[in-house]
């Protein structure tokens, strides 16, 4: 009788342990499945598609902070492109300057007004002069806000007879603003100024001769 009760008690203990193991295993499996599902949803949410030239291109979204250096440098590069890359056409000049002024504050407008009053743009048109600017490097500091930057570029002034190559160094600060069609990066350049803009060399067109 007592032996039978002992066997029943042992069986009950075995069933109890087995039940606990099954419950723990089920909970662990559920937690694992929930975690994997969350990862898959997060991965799917970060995957976006852009349509360019009728084709869908896969891209991945990221946190704003991760993209700040890349977007900031592109913003700075585009501003200098619009402000300094000009052709002897009033409409082209006005269109480029308008795009540049969307990306910066009154410091850029003041520089534009100074150049305009000195007949700089009129001379570009009358002299059939084209300008091209190329970014060499951009120093960007994320450790302060507004973000400080220094731009190093090379400017080519293409005249009918010569090509003048000039160095271009500027500095300024970036602050965050709302993104828009005219300002897709959501930055505004402040306290912008030109530190250096000097001739490096002059090349006679058609001859290949240079001067320094």
N, C-alpha and C. Protein backbone atom coordinates (compact mmCIF):
# COMPACT_ATOMS: atom_id res chain seq x y z
N UNK A 1 0.84 -1.21 0.00
CA UNK A 1 0.00 0.00 0.00
C UNK A 1 0.87 1.26 0.00
N UNK A 2 1.84 1.26 0.99
CA UNK A 2 2.73 2.42 1.08
C UNK A 2 3.64 2.51 -0.13
N UNK A 3 4.05 1.34 -0.63
CA UNK A 3 4.91 1.32 -1.84
C UNK A 3 4.17 1.91 -3.02
N UNK A 4 2.89 1.59 -3.10
CA UNK A 4 2.07 2.12 -4.21
C UNK A 4 1.92 3.63 -4.12
N UNK A 5 1.76 4.13 -2.88
CA UNK A 5 1.65 5.59 -2.68
C UNK A 5 2.94 6.29 -3.05
N UNK A 6 4.09 5.63 -2.72
CA UNK A 6 5.39 6.22 -3.08
C UNK A 6 5.54 6.31 -4.58
N UNK A 7 5.10 5.27 -5.29
CA UNK A 7 5.19 5.28 -6.75
C UNK A 7 4.32 6.38 -7.35
N UNK A 8 3.12 6.56 -6.74
CA UNK A 8 2.23 7.62 -7.22
C UNK A 8 2.86 8.99 -7.00
N UNK A 9 3.50 9.16 -5.83
CA UNK A 9 4.14 10.44 -5.51
C UNK A 9 5.30 10.72 -6.46
N UNK A 10 6.11 9.68 -6.76
CA UNK A 10 7.21 9.84 -7.71
C UNK A 10 6.70 10.20 -9.10
N UNK A 11 5.60 9.53 -9.48
CA UNK A 11 5.02 9.82 -10.79
C UNK A 11 4.52 11.25 -10.85
N UNK A 12 3.91 11.68 -9.74
CA UNK A 12 3.41 13.05 -9.68
C UNK A 12 4.57 14.05 -9.78
N UNK A 13 5.70 13.75 -9.11
CA UNK A 13 6.85 14.63 -9.17
C UNK A 13 7.42 14.70 -10.59
N UNK A 14 7.46 13.55 -11.26
CA UNK A 14 7.94 13.52 -12.64
C UNK A 14 7.04 14.35 -13.55
N UNK A 15 5.73 14.16 -13.37
CA UNK A 15 4.77 14.93 -14.19
C UNK A 15 4.91 16.43 -13.91
N UNK A 16 5.13 16.77 -12.64
CA UNK A 16 5.28 18.17 -12.25
C UNK A 16 6.53 18.77 -12.91
N UNK A 17 7.66 18.05 -12.85
CA UNK A 17 8.89 18.55 -13.46
C UNK A 17 8.73 18.69 -14.97
N UNK A 18 8.11 17.68 -15.57
CA UNK A 18 7.91 17.70 -17.02
C UNK A 18 7.03 18.88 -17.42
N UNK A 19 5.97 19.11 -16.62
CA UNK A 19 5.08 20.24 -16.90
C UNK A 19 5.83 21.56 -16.82
N UNK A 20 6.67 21.71 -15.78
CA UNK A 20 7.45 22.95 -15.61
C UNK A 20 8.39 23.15 -16.80
N UNK A 21 9.06 22.06 -17.21
CA UNK A 21 10.00 22.13 -18.35
C UNK A 21 9.27 22.55 -19.62
N UNK A 22 8.09 21.92 -19.84
CA UNK A 22 7.31 22.24 -21.05
C UNK A 22 6.87 23.70 -21.04
N UNK A 23 6.41 24.18 -19.85
CA UNK A 23 5.95 25.57 -19.74
C UNK A 23 7.11 26.54 -20.01
N UNK A 24 8.29 26.25 -19.39
CA UNK A 24 9.46 27.11 -19.58
C UNK A 24 9.89 27.11 -21.04
N UNK A 25 9.91 25.91 -21.66
CA UNK A 25 10.30 25.81 -23.07
C UNK A 25 9.32 26.58 -23.96
N UNK A 26 8.01 26.46 -23.64
CA UNK A 26 7.00 27.18 -24.44
C UNK A 26 7.17 28.69 -24.31
N UNK A 27 7.44 29.16 -23.06
CA UNK A 27 7.64 30.60 -22.86
C UNK A 27 8.88 31.09 -23.59
N UNK A 28 9.96 30.30 -23.54
CA UNK A 28 11.18 30.68 -24.23
C UNK A 28 10.96 30.75 -25.74
N UNK A 29 10.21 29.75 -26.26
CA UNK A 29 9.92 29.73 -27.70
C UNK A 29 9.08 30.94 -28.09
N UNK A 30 8.09 31.27 -27.28
CA UNK A 30 7.23 32.45 -27.55
C UNK A 30 8.06 33.73 -27.54
N UNK A 31 8.93 33.87 -26.54
CA UNK A 31 9.77 35.07 -26.45
C UNK A 31 10.68 35.18 -27.66
N UNK A 32 11.25 34.04 -28.07
CA UNK A 32 12.13 34.02 -29.24
C UNK A 32 11.37 34.44 -30.49
N UNK A 33 10.17 33.90 -30.67
CA UNK A 33 9.36 34.21 -31.85
C UNK A 33 8.95 35.68 -31.87
N UNK A 34 8.60 36.22 -30.68
CA UNK A 34 8.23 37.64 -30.61
C UNK A 34 9.42 38.51 -30.97
N UNK A 35 10.61 38.16 -30.44
CA UNK A 35 11.81 38.94 -30.73
C UNK A 35 12.15 38.90 -32.21
N UNK A 36 12.09 37.72 -32.82
CA UNK A 36 12.39 37.59 -34.24
C UNK A 36 11.37 38.34 -35.09
N UNK A 37 10.11 38.26 -34.68
CA UNK A 37 9.06 38.98 -35.42
C UNK A 37 9.31 40.48 -35.37
N UNK A 38 9.69 40.98 -34.19
CA UNK A 38 9.98 42.41 -34.05
C UNK A 38 11.15 42.82 -34.93
N UNK A 39 12.18 41.98 -34.97
CA UNK A 39 13.34 42.27 -35.83
C UNK A 39 12.94 42.32 -37.30
N UNK A 40 12.10 41.38 -37.72
CA UNK A 40 11.67 41.34 -39.12
C UNK A 40 10.83 42.55 -39.47
N UNK A 41 9.93 42.95 -38.55
CA UNK A 41 9.10 44.14 -38.79
C UNK A 41 9.96 45.39 -38.85
N UNK A 42 10.94 45.50 -37.92
CA UNK A 42 11.82 46.67 -37.91
C UNK A 42 12.65 46.73 -39.18
N UNK A 43 13.13 45.55 -39.63
CA UNK A 43 13.93 45.51 -40.86
C UNK A 43 13.08 45.90 -42.06
N UNK A 44 11.85 45.42 -42.07
CA UNK A 44 10.96 45.76 -43.19
C UNK A 44 10.60 47.23 -43.18
N UNK A 45 10.44 47.79 -41.98
CA UNK A 45 10.08 49.21 -41.88
C UNK A 45 11.22 50.11 -42.31
N UNK A 46 12.47 49.65 -42.12
CA UNK A 46 13.62 50.46 -42.51
C UNK A 46 13.92 50.37 -43.99
N UNK A 47 13.27 49.46 -44.68
CA UNK A 47 13.49 49.27 -46.11
C UNK A 47 12.47 50.07 -46.89
N UNK A 48 12.95 50.98 -47.71
CA UNK A 48 12.07 51.81 -48.53
C UNK A 48 12.48 51.69 -49.99
N UNK A 49 11.60 52.12 -50.86
CA UNK A 49 11.88 52.07 -52.30
C UNK A 49 11.71 53.46 -52.89
N UNK A 50 12.73 53.85 -53.66
CA UNK A 50 12.71 55.13 -54.34
C UNK A 50 12.49 54.89 -55.83
N UNK A 51 11.68 55.71 -56.45
CA UNK A 51 11.44 55.59 -57.88
C UNK A 51 12.27 56.63 -58.61
N UNK A 52 13.19 56.16 -59.45
CA UNK A 52 14.05 57.05 -60.23
C UNK A 52 14.07 56.58 -61.67
N UNK A 53 13.69 57.47 -62.57
CA UNK A 53 13.65 57.14 -64.00
C UNK A 53 12.79 55.92 -64.28
N UNK A 54 11.68 55.80 -63.55
CA UNK A 54 10.76 54.71 -63.78
C UNK A 54 11.17 53.40 -63.15
N UNK A 55 12.27 53.37 -62.39
CA UNK A 55 12.73 52.13 -61.76
C UNK A 55 12.67 52.27 -60.24
N UNK A 56 12.29 51.19 -59.59
CA UNK A 56 12.23 51.17 -58.13
C UNK A 56 13.60 50.77 -57.59
N UNK A 57 14.17 51.63 -56.74
CA UNK A 57 15.48 51.38 -56.16
C UNK A 57 15.31 51.16 -54.67
N UNK A 58 15.87 50.05 -54.18
CA UNK A 58 15.74 49.75 -52.76
C UNK A 58 16.71 50.60 -51.95
N UNK A 59 16.25 51.12 -50.83
CA UNK A 59 17.08 51.92 -49.95
C UNK A 59 16.72 51.59 -48.51
N UNK A 60 17.55 52.03 -47.59
CA UNK A 60 17.31 51.76 -46.18
C UNK A 60 17.29 53.07 -45.41
N UNK A 61 16.29 53.21 -44.56
CA UNK A 61 16.21 54.42 -43.74
C UNK A 61 17.16 54.29 -42.56
N UNK A 62 17.53 55.42 -41.97
CA UNK A 62 18.43 55.41 -40.83
C UNK A 62 18.06 56.56 -39.91
N UNK A 63 18.61 56.52 -38.71
CA UNK A 63 18.36 57.60 -37.76
C UNK A 63 18.96 58.89 -38.27
N UNK A 64 18.31 60.01 -37.95
CA UNK A 64 18.78 61.33 -38.39
C UNK A 64 20.23 61.56 -37.97
N UNK A 65 20.58 61.17 -36.74
CA UNK A 65 21.91 61.43 -36.23
C UNK A 65 22.98 60.70 -37.04
N UNK A 66 22.66 59.50 -37.52
CA UNK A 66 23.62 58.73 -38.29
C UNK A 66 23.93 59.41 -39.62
N UNK A 67 22.95 60.12 -40.18
CA UNK A 67 23.10 60.71 -41.50
C UNK A 67 23.57 62.16 -41.47
N UNK A 68 23.70 62.76 -40.30
CA UNK A 68 24.02 64.18 -40.22
C UNK A 68 25.30 64.54 -40.98
N UNK A 69 26.44 63.85 -40.76
CA UNK A 69 27.66 64.25 -41.49
C UNK A 69 27.51 64.14 -43.00
N UNK A 70 26.87 63.07 -43.47
CA UNK A 70 26.72 62.87 -44.92
C UNK A 70 25.80 63.95 -45.51
N UNK A 71 24.64 64.16 -44.88
CA UNK A 71 23.69 65.14 -45.40
C UNK A 71 24.25 66.56 -45.28
N UNK A 72 24.94 66.84 -44.19
CA UNK A 72 25.50 68.18 -43.98
C UNK A 72 26.54 68.50 -45.05
N UNK A 73 27.42 67.56 -45.33
CA UNK A 73 28.46 67.80 -46.33
C UNK A 73 27.86 67.96 -47.72
N UNK A 74 26.82 67.20 -48.02
CA UNK A 74 26.16 67.36 -49.32
C UNK A 74 25.46 68.71 -49.40
N UNK A 75 24.86 69.15 -48.30
CA UNK A 75 24.21 70.46 -48.24
C UNK A 75 25.24 71.57 -48.52
N UNK A 76 26.38 71.49 -47.85
CA UNK A 76 27.45 72.48 -48.03
C UNK A 76 27.97 72.45 -49.47
N UNK A 77 28.16 71.25 -50.00
CA UNK A 77 28.65 71.11 -51.37
C UNK A 77 27.67 71.71 -52.38
N UNK A 78 26.38 71.44 -52.20
CA UNK A 78 25.38 71.96 -53.14
C UNK A 78 25.27 73.48 -53.05
N UNK A 79 25.37 74.03 -51.84
CA UNK A 79 25.32 75.48 -51.69
C UNK A 79 26.45 76.14 -52.48
N UNK A 80 27.67 75.63 -52.32
CA UNK A 80 28.81 76.22 -53.03
C UNK A 80 28.71 76.00 -54.54
N UNK A 81 28.14 74.87 -54.93
CA UNK A 81 27.94 74.64 -56.37
C UNK A 81 27.00 75.69 -56.94
N UNK A 82 25.86 75.91 -56.31
CA UNK A 82 24.89 76.88 -56.83
C UNK A 82 25.43 78.31 -56.75
N UNK A 83 26.17 78.63 -55.71
CA UNK A 83 26.63 80.00 -55.53
C UNK A 83 27.77 80.36 -56.48
N UNK A 84 28.65 79.39 -56.79
CA UNK A 84 29.85 79.71 -57.55
C UNK A 84 29.88 79.13 -58.97
N UNK A 85 29.07 78.13 -59.28
CA UNK A 85 29.06 77.56 -60.63
C UNK A 85 28.07 78.35 -61.47
N UNK A 86 28.59 79.19 -62.34
CA UNK A 86 27.76 80.13 -63.09
C UNK A 86 28.14 80.12 -64.57
N UNK A 87 27.21 80.52 -65.41
CA UNK A 87 27.43 80.66 -66.86
C UNK A 87 26.99 82.04 -67.29
N UNK A 88 27.46 82.50 -68.46
CA UNK A 88 27.11 83.85 -68.93
C UNK A 88 25.67 83.95 -69.43
N UNK A 89 24.74 83.69 -68.53
CA UNK A 89 23.32 83.74 -68.86
C UNK A 89 22.59 84.23 -67.61
N UNK A 90 21.87 85.33 -67.74
CA UNK A 90 21.23 85.93 -66.57
C UNK A 90 20.25 84.99 -65.90
N UNK A 91 19.50 84.20 -66.69
CA UNK A 91 18.54 83.27 -66.12
C UNK A 91 19.24 82.16 -65.34
N UNK A 92 20.35 81.68 -65.87
CA UNK A 92 21.11 80.62 -65.17
C UNK A 92 21.66 81.17 -63.86
N UNK A 93 22.22 82.37 -63.91
CA UNK A 93 22.78 82.99 -62.71
C UNK A 93 21.70 83.17 -61.65
N UNK A 94 20.56 83.75 -62.06
CA UNK A 94 19.47 84.00 -61.11
C UNK A 94 18.93 82.70 -60.51
N UNK A 95 18.82 81.66 -61.36
CA UNK A 95 18.30 80.37 -60.88
C UNK A 95 19.26 79.74 -59.87
N UNK A 96 20.57 79.79 -60.16
CA UNK A 96 21.55 79.20 -59.25
C UNK A 96 21.61 79.97 -57.93
N UNK A 97 21.62 81.28 -58.01
CA UNK A 97 21.69 82.08 -56.78
C UNK A 97 20.43 81.86 -55.93
N UNK A 98 19.28 81.77 -56.59
CA UNK A 98 18.03 81.53 -55.85
C UNK A 98 18.09 80.21 -55.10
N UNK A 99 18.61 79.16 -55.75
CA UNK A 99 18.74 77.86 -55.09
C UNK A 99 19.72 77.96 -53.92
N UNK A 100 20.82 78.69 -54.11
CA UNK A 100 21.82 78.82 -53.04
C UNK A 100 21.25 79.55 -51.83
N UNK A 101 20.46 80.58 -52.08
CA UNK A 101 19.93 81.39 -50.97
C UNK A 101 18.88 80.66 -50.15
N UNK A 102 18.27 79.60 -50.72
CA UNK A 102 17.37 78.76 -49.93
C UNK A 102 18.15 77.96 -48.88
N UNK A 103 19.45 77.77 -49.10
CA UNK A 103 20.25 76.90 -48.25
C UNK A 103 21.03 77.66 -47.19
N UNK A 104 20.97 78.99 -47.20
CA UNK A 104 21.77 79.79 -46.27
C UNK A 104 20.97 80.98 -45.76
N UNK A 105 21.53 81.63 -44.75
CA UNK A 105 20.84 82.79 -44.16
C UNK A 105 21.30 84.08 -44.83
N UNK A 106 21.10 85.21 -44.15
CA UNK A 106 21.40 86.52 -44.73
C UNK A 106 22.86 86.76 -45.02
N UNK A 107 23.77 85.99 -44.42
CA UNK A 107 25.20 86.17 -44.70
C UNK A 107 25.51 85.87 -46.16
N UNK A 108 24.85 84.87 -46.74
CA UNK A 108 25.04 84.56 -48.16
C UNK A 108 24.39 85.64 -49.03
N UNK A 109 23.23 86.12 -48.62
CA UNK A 109 22.57 87.19 -49.39
C UNK A 109 23.41 88.47 -49.38
N UNK A 110 24.06 88.76 -48.26
CA UNK A 110 24.92 89.95 -48.19
C UNK A 110 26.10 89.83 -49.16
N UNK A 111 26.69 88.63 -49.24
CA UNK A 111 27.79 88.40 -50.17
C UNK A 111 27.30 88.54 -51.61
N UNK A 112 26.13 88.02 -51.89
CA UNK A 112 25.54 88.15 -53.23
C UNK A 112 25.30 89.62 -53.58
N UNK A 113 24.77 90.39 -52.64
CA UNK A 113 24.51 91.81 -52.89
C UNK A 113 25.81 92.57 -53.15
N UNK A 114 26.87 92.23 -52.39
CA UNK A 114 28.17 92.87 -52.61
C UNK A 114 28.69 92.58 -54.02
N UNK A 115 28.59 91.33 -54.45
CA UNK A 115 29.06 90.96 -55.79
C UNK A 115 28.22 91.63 -56.86
N UNK A 116 26.92 91.69 -56.62
CA UNK A 116 26.03 92.31 -57.60
C UNK A 116 26.31 93.80 -57.75
N UNK A 117 26.53 94.49 -56.62
CA UNK A 117 26.81 95.92 -56.65
C UNK A 117 28.15 96.24 -57.29
N UNK A 118 29.07 95.29 -57.23
CA UNK A 118 30.38 95.49 -57.88
C UNK A 118 30.36 95.06 -59.35
N UNK A 119 29.16 94.77 -59.88
CA UNK A 119 28.95 94.38 -61.29
C UNK A 119 29.64 93.05 -61.64
N UNK A 120 29.80 92.20 -60.64
CA UNK A 120 30.47 90.92 -60.84
C UNK A 120 29.69 90.04 -61.83
N UNK A 121 28.39 89.96 -61.64
CA UNK A 121 27.58 89.11 -62.50
C UNK A 121 27.42 89.71 -63.89
N UNK A 122 27.37 91.03 -63.96
CA UNK A 122 27.31 91.69 -65.26
C UNK A 122 28.55 91.43 -66.08
N UNK A 123 29.71 91.38 -65.42
CA UNK A 123 30.97 91.09 -66.12
C UNK A 123 31.01 89.65 -66.61
N UNK A 124 30.41 88.74 -65.84
CA UNK A 124 30.35 87.34 -66.28
C UNK A 124 29.57 87.23 -67.58
N UNK A 125 28.44 87.95 -67.65
CA UNK A 125 27.59 87.89 -68.85
C UNK A 125 28.27 88.58 -70.03
N UNK A 126 28.77 89.82 -69.82
CA UNK A 126 29.37 90.57 -70.92
C UNK A 126 30.69 89.96 -71.39
N UNK A 127 31.41 89.29 -70.48
CA UNK A 127 32.69 88.71 -70.85
C UNK A 127 32.61 87.26 -71.28
N UNK A 128 31.39 86.71 -71.38
CA UNK A 128 31.21 85.29 -71.75
C UNK A 128 32.08 84.38 -70.87
N UNK A 129 31.95 84.57 -69.58
CA UNK A 129 32.76 83.84 -68.61
C UNK A 129 31.92 82.76 -67.94
N UNK A 130 32.51 81.61 -67.76
CA UNK A 130 31.87 80.53 -67.00
C UNK A 130 32.70 80.22 -65.77
N UNK A 131 32.02 79.81 -64.70
CA UNK A 131 32.69 79.42 -63.46
C UNK A 131 32.29 78.01 -63.07
N UNK A 132 33.26 77.25 -62.60
CA UNK A 132 32.99 75.91 -62.08
C UNK A 132 33.70 75.77 -60.75
N UNK A 133 33.04 75.20 -59.77
CA UNK A 133 33.67 74.97 -58.47
C UNK A 133 33.62 73.49 -58.14
N UNK A 134 34.72 72.97 -57.62
CA UNK A 134 34.82 71.57 -57.22
C UNK A 134 35.23 71.49 -55.75
N UNK A 135 34.50 70.71 -54.99
CA UNK A 135 34.82 70.54 -53.56
C UNK A 135 36.01 69.61 -53.41
N UNK A 136 37.04 70.07 -52.73
CA UNK A 136 38.21 69.23 -52.45
C UNK A 136 38.03 68.48 -51.13
N UNK A 137 37.62 69.20 -50.10
CA UNK A 137 37.35 68.56 -48.80
C UNK A 137 36.47 69.48 -47.98
N UNK A 138 35.78 68.88 -47.02
CA UNK A 138 34.91 69.64 -46.11
C UNK A 138 35.17 69.17 -44.69
N UNK A 139 35.61 70.08 -43.85
CA UNK A 139 35.79 69.77 -42.43
C UNK A 139 34.48 70.07 -41.72
N UNK A 140 33.98 69.08 -40.98
CA UNK A 140 32.68 69.22 -40.32
C UNK A 140 32.80 68.78 -38.87
N UNK A 141 32.35 69.62 -37.95
CA UNK A 141 32.47 69.34 -36.52
C UNK A 141 31.09 69.11 -35.90
N UNK A 142 30.84 67.87 -35.48
CA UNK A 142 29.56 67.52 -34.85
C UNK A 142 29.56 67.74 -33.35
N UNK A 143 30.71 68.12 -32.79
CA UNK A 143 30.81 68.26 -31.34
C UNK A 143 30.29 69.59 -30.83
N UNK A 144 29.83 70.44 -31.71
CA UNK A 144 29.24 71.71 -31.29
C UNK A 144 27.99 71.97 -32.12
N UNK A 145 27.09 72.75 -31.58
CA UNK A 145 25.86 73.11 -32.31
C UNK A 145 25.59 74.59 -32.12
N UNK A 146 25.32 75.33 -33.19
CA UNK A 146 25.29 74.89 -34.59
C UNK A 146 26.63 74.29 -35.04
N UNK A 147 26.55 73.39 -36.00
CA UNK A 147 27.72 72.65 -36.46
C UNK A 147 28.65 73.55 -37.28
N UNK A 148 29.93 73.55 -36.90
CA UNK A 148 30.92 74.35 -37.63
C UNK A 148 31.43 73.57 -38.84
N UNK A 149 31.69 74.28 -39.95
CA UNK A 149 32.30 73.64 -41.12
C UNK A 149 33.30 74.58 -41.77
N UNK A 150 34.26 73.97 -42.46
CA UNK A 150 35.19 74.72 -43.32
C UNK A 150 35.26 74.00 -44.66
N UNK A 151 35.05 74.75 -45.71
CA UNK A 151 34.98 74.20 -47.07
C UNK A 151 36.25 74.55 -47.82
N UNK A 152 36.86 73.53 -48.46
CA UNK A 152 38.03 73.73 -49.32
C UNK A 152 37.65 73.32 -50.74
N UNK A 153 37.79 74.23 -51.67
CA UNK A 153 37.42 73.92 -53.05
C UNK A 153 38.36 74.55 -54.05
N UNK A 154 38.16 74.18 -55.31
CA UNK A 154 38.93 74.73 -56.43
C UNK A 154 37.95 75.35 -57.41
N UNK A 155 38.20 76.59 -57.76
CA UNK A 155 37.30 77.33 -58.65
C UNK A 155 38.00 77.55 -59.99
N UNK A 156 37.32 77.24 -61.06
CA UNK A 156 37.85 77.50 -62.40
C UNK A 156 37.03 78.61 -63.05
N UNK A 157 37.71 79.64 -63.50
CA UNK A 157 37.07 80.74 -64.20
C UNK A 157 37.48 80.64 -65.66
N UNK A 158 36.53 80.29 -66.50
CA UNK A 158 36.82 80.01 -67.91
C UNK A 158 36.47 81.25 -68.74
N UNK A 159 37.51 81.94 -69.22
CA UNK A 159 37.35 83.11 -70.07
C UNK A 159 37.58 82.71 -71.52
N UNK A 160 37.25 83.57 -72.47
CA UNK A 160 37.45 83.21 -73.88
C UNK A 160 38.89 82.86 -74.23
N UNK A 161 39.86 83.46 -73.54
CA UNK A 161 41.27 83.24 -73.90
C UNK A 161 42.06 82.46 -72.85
N UNK A 162 41.63 82.52 -71.58
CA UNK A 162 42.40 81.85 -70.51
C UNK A 162 41.46 81.15 -69.54
N UNK A 163 42.04 80.22 -68.79
CA UNK A 163 41.34 79.56 -67.67
C UNK A 163 42.12 79.88 -66.41
N UNK A 164 41.46 80.52 -65.47
CA UNK A 164 42.09 80.87 -64.19
C UNK A 164 41.62 79.88 -63.13
N UNK A 165 42.57 79.26 -62.46
CA UNK A 165 42.27 78.33 -61.37
C UNK A 165 42.52 79.04 -60.05
N UNK A 166 41.53 79.00 -59.18
CA UNK A 166 41.63 79.70 -57.91
C UNK A 166 41.32 78.76 -56.75
N UNK A 167 41.90 79.03 -55.60
CA UNK A 167 41.55 78.29 -54.38
C UNK A 167 40.34 78.97 -53.75
N UNK A 168 39.51 78.19 -53.10
CA UNK A 168 38.32 78.72 -52.44
C UNK A 168 38.20 78.07 -51.07
N UNK A 169 38.28 78.89 -50.04
CA UNK A 169 38.13 78.40 -48.66
C UNK A 169 37.07 79.25 -47.98
N UNK A 170 36.04 78.61 -47.43
CA UNK A 170 34.98 79.33 -46.72
C UNK A 170 34.70 78.63 -45.40
N UNK A 171 33.98 79.31 -44.53
CA UNK A 171 33.57 78.69 -43.27
C UNK A 171 32.18 79.18 -42.88
N UNK A 172 31.56 78.46 -41.97
CA UNK A 172 30.24 78.84 -41.51
C UNK A 172 29.72 77.84 -40.51
N UNK A 173 28.44 77.94 -40.21
CA UNK A 173 27.79 77.05 -39.25
C UNK A 173 26.49 76.53 -39.85
N UNK A 174 26.09 75.35 -39.41
CA UNK A 174 24.84 74.73 -39.85
C UNK A 174 23.89 74.55 -38.67
N UNK A 175 22.64 74.90 -38.87
CA UNK A 175 21.62 74.58 -37.87
C UNK A 175 20.47 73.84 -38.53
N UNK A 176 19.74 73.08 -37.74
CA UNK A 176 18.64 72.27 -38.26
C UNK A 176 17.40 73.13 -38.52
N UNK A 177 16.75 72.90 -39.64
CA UNK A 177 15.45 73.50 -39.92
C UNK A 177 14.57 72.42 -40.56
N UNK A 178 13.33 72.76 -40.84
CA UNK A 178 12.40 71.81 -41.44
C UNK A 178 12.80 71.53 -42.90
N UNK A 179 12.72 70.27 -43.28
CA UNK A 179 13.00 69.91 -44.67
C UNK A 179 11.91 70.48 -45.58
N UNK A 180 12.31 70.77 -46.82
CA UNK A 180 11.35 71.26 -47.81
C UNK A 180 11.85 70.89 -49.20
N UNK A 181 11.05 71.17 -50.23
CA UNK A 181 11.47 70.89 -51.60
C UNK A 181 12.72 71.68 -51.96
N UNK A 182 12.82 72.91 -51.47
CA UNK A 182 13.98 73.74 -51.77
C UNK A 182 15.16 73.45 -50.85
N UNK A 183 14.89 72.80 -49.73
CA UNK A 183 15.94 72.50 -48.76
C UNK A 183 15.75 71.07 -48.25
N UNK A 184 16.06 70.08 -49.08
CA UNK A 184 15.76 68.68 -48.72
C UNK A 184 16.57 68.14 -47.55
N UNK A 185 17.73 68.73 -47.25
CA UNK A 185 18.54 68.22 -46.15
C UNK A 185 18.10 68.76 -44.80
N UNK A 186 17.35 69.85 -44.78
CA UNK A 186 16.89 70.41 -43.51
C UNK A 186 17.99 71.09 -42.72
N UNK A 187 18.91 71.79 -43.41
CA UNK A 187 19.96 72.56 -42.75
C UNK A 187 19.93 73.99 -43.27
N UNK A 188 20.43 74.92 -42.47
CA UNK A 188 20.59 76.30 -42.92
C UNK A 188 22.00 76.75 -42.56
N UNK A 189 22.72 77.27 -43.57
CA UNK A 189 24.08 77.79 -43.36
C UNK A 189 23.99 79.18 -42.75
N UNK A 190 24.72 79.39 -41.66
CA UNK A 190 24.72 80.68 -40.97
C UNK A 190 26.14 81.23 -40.89
N UNK A 191 26.24 82.55 -40.76
CA UNK A 191 27.52 83.24 -40.55
C UNK A 191 28.58 82.77 -41.55
N UNK A 192 28.15 82.66 -42.79
CA UNK A 192 29.04 82.16 -43.85
C UNK A 192 29.94 83.28 -44.35
N UNK A 193 31.21 82.97 -44.54
CA UNK A 193 32.14 83.95 -45.10
C UNK A 193 33.25 83.28 -45.88
N UNK A 194 33.79 84.02 -46.83
CA UNK A 194 34.88 83.53 -47.67
C UNK A 194 36.20 83.89 -47.00
N UNK A 195 37.03 82.89 -46.73
CA UNK A 195 38.32 83.11 -46.07
C UNK A 195 39.43 83.31 -47.08
N UNK A 196 39.32 82.63 -48.22
CA UNK A 196 40.39 82.70 -49.23
C UNK A 196 39.81 82.47 -50.61
N UNK A 197 40.23 83.28 -51.56
CA UNK A 197 39.82 83.11 -52.96
C UNK A 197 40.92 83.74 -53.83
N UNK A 198 42.02 83.01 -53.98
CA UNK A 198 43.18 83.56 -54.67
C UNK A 198 43.56 82.73 -55.89
N UNK A 199 44.23 83.38 -56.86
CA UNK A 199 44.64 82.71 -58.08
C UNK A 199 45.75 81.70 -57.79
N UNK A 200 45.63 80.53 -58.40
CA UNK A 200 46.67 79.50 -58.30
C UNK A 200 47.46 79.40 -59.59
N UNK A 201 46.76 79.41 -60.73
CA UNK A 201 47.44 79.37 -62.02
C UNK A 201 46.53 79.87 -63.12
N UNK A 202 47.16 80.26 -64.23
CA UNK A 202 46.44 80.73 -65.40
C UNK A 202 46.90 79.92 -66.60
N UNK A 203 45.95 79.37 -67.34
CA UNK A 203 46.26 78.56 -68.51
C UNK A 203 45.68 79.23 -69.75
N UNK A 204 46.56 79.49 -70.75
CA UNK A 204 46.09 80.04 -72.02
C UNK A 204 45.34 78.97 -72.79
N UNK A 205 44.13 79.25 -73.20
CA UNK A 205 43.34 78.27 -73.91
C UNK A 205 43.87 78.07 -75.31
N UNK A 206 44.03 76.79 -75.68
CA UNK A 206 44.51 76.46 -77.02
C UNK A 206 46.00 76.30 -77.10
N UNK A 207 46.76 76.85 -76.13
CA UNK A 207 48.22 76.76 -76.17
C UNK A 207 48.76 75.78 -75.13
N UNK A 208 47.98 75.63 -74.02
CA UNK A 208 48.44 74.75 -72.94
C UNK A 208 49.47 75.37 -72.06
N UNK A 209 49.87 76.66 -72.33
CA UNK A 209 50.87 77.33 -71.50
C UNK A 209 50.24 77.82 -70.21
N UNK A 210 50.94 77.67 -69.13
CA UNK A 210 50.41 78.06 -67.83
C UNK A 210 51.29 79.10 -67.18
N UNK A 211 50.70 79.83 -66.28
CA UNK A 211 51.46 80.83 -65.51
C UNK A 211 51.04 80.76 -64.06
N UNK A 212 51.92 81.12 -63.16
CA UNK A 212 51.65 81.05 -61.73
C UNK A 212 51.85 82.42 -61.08
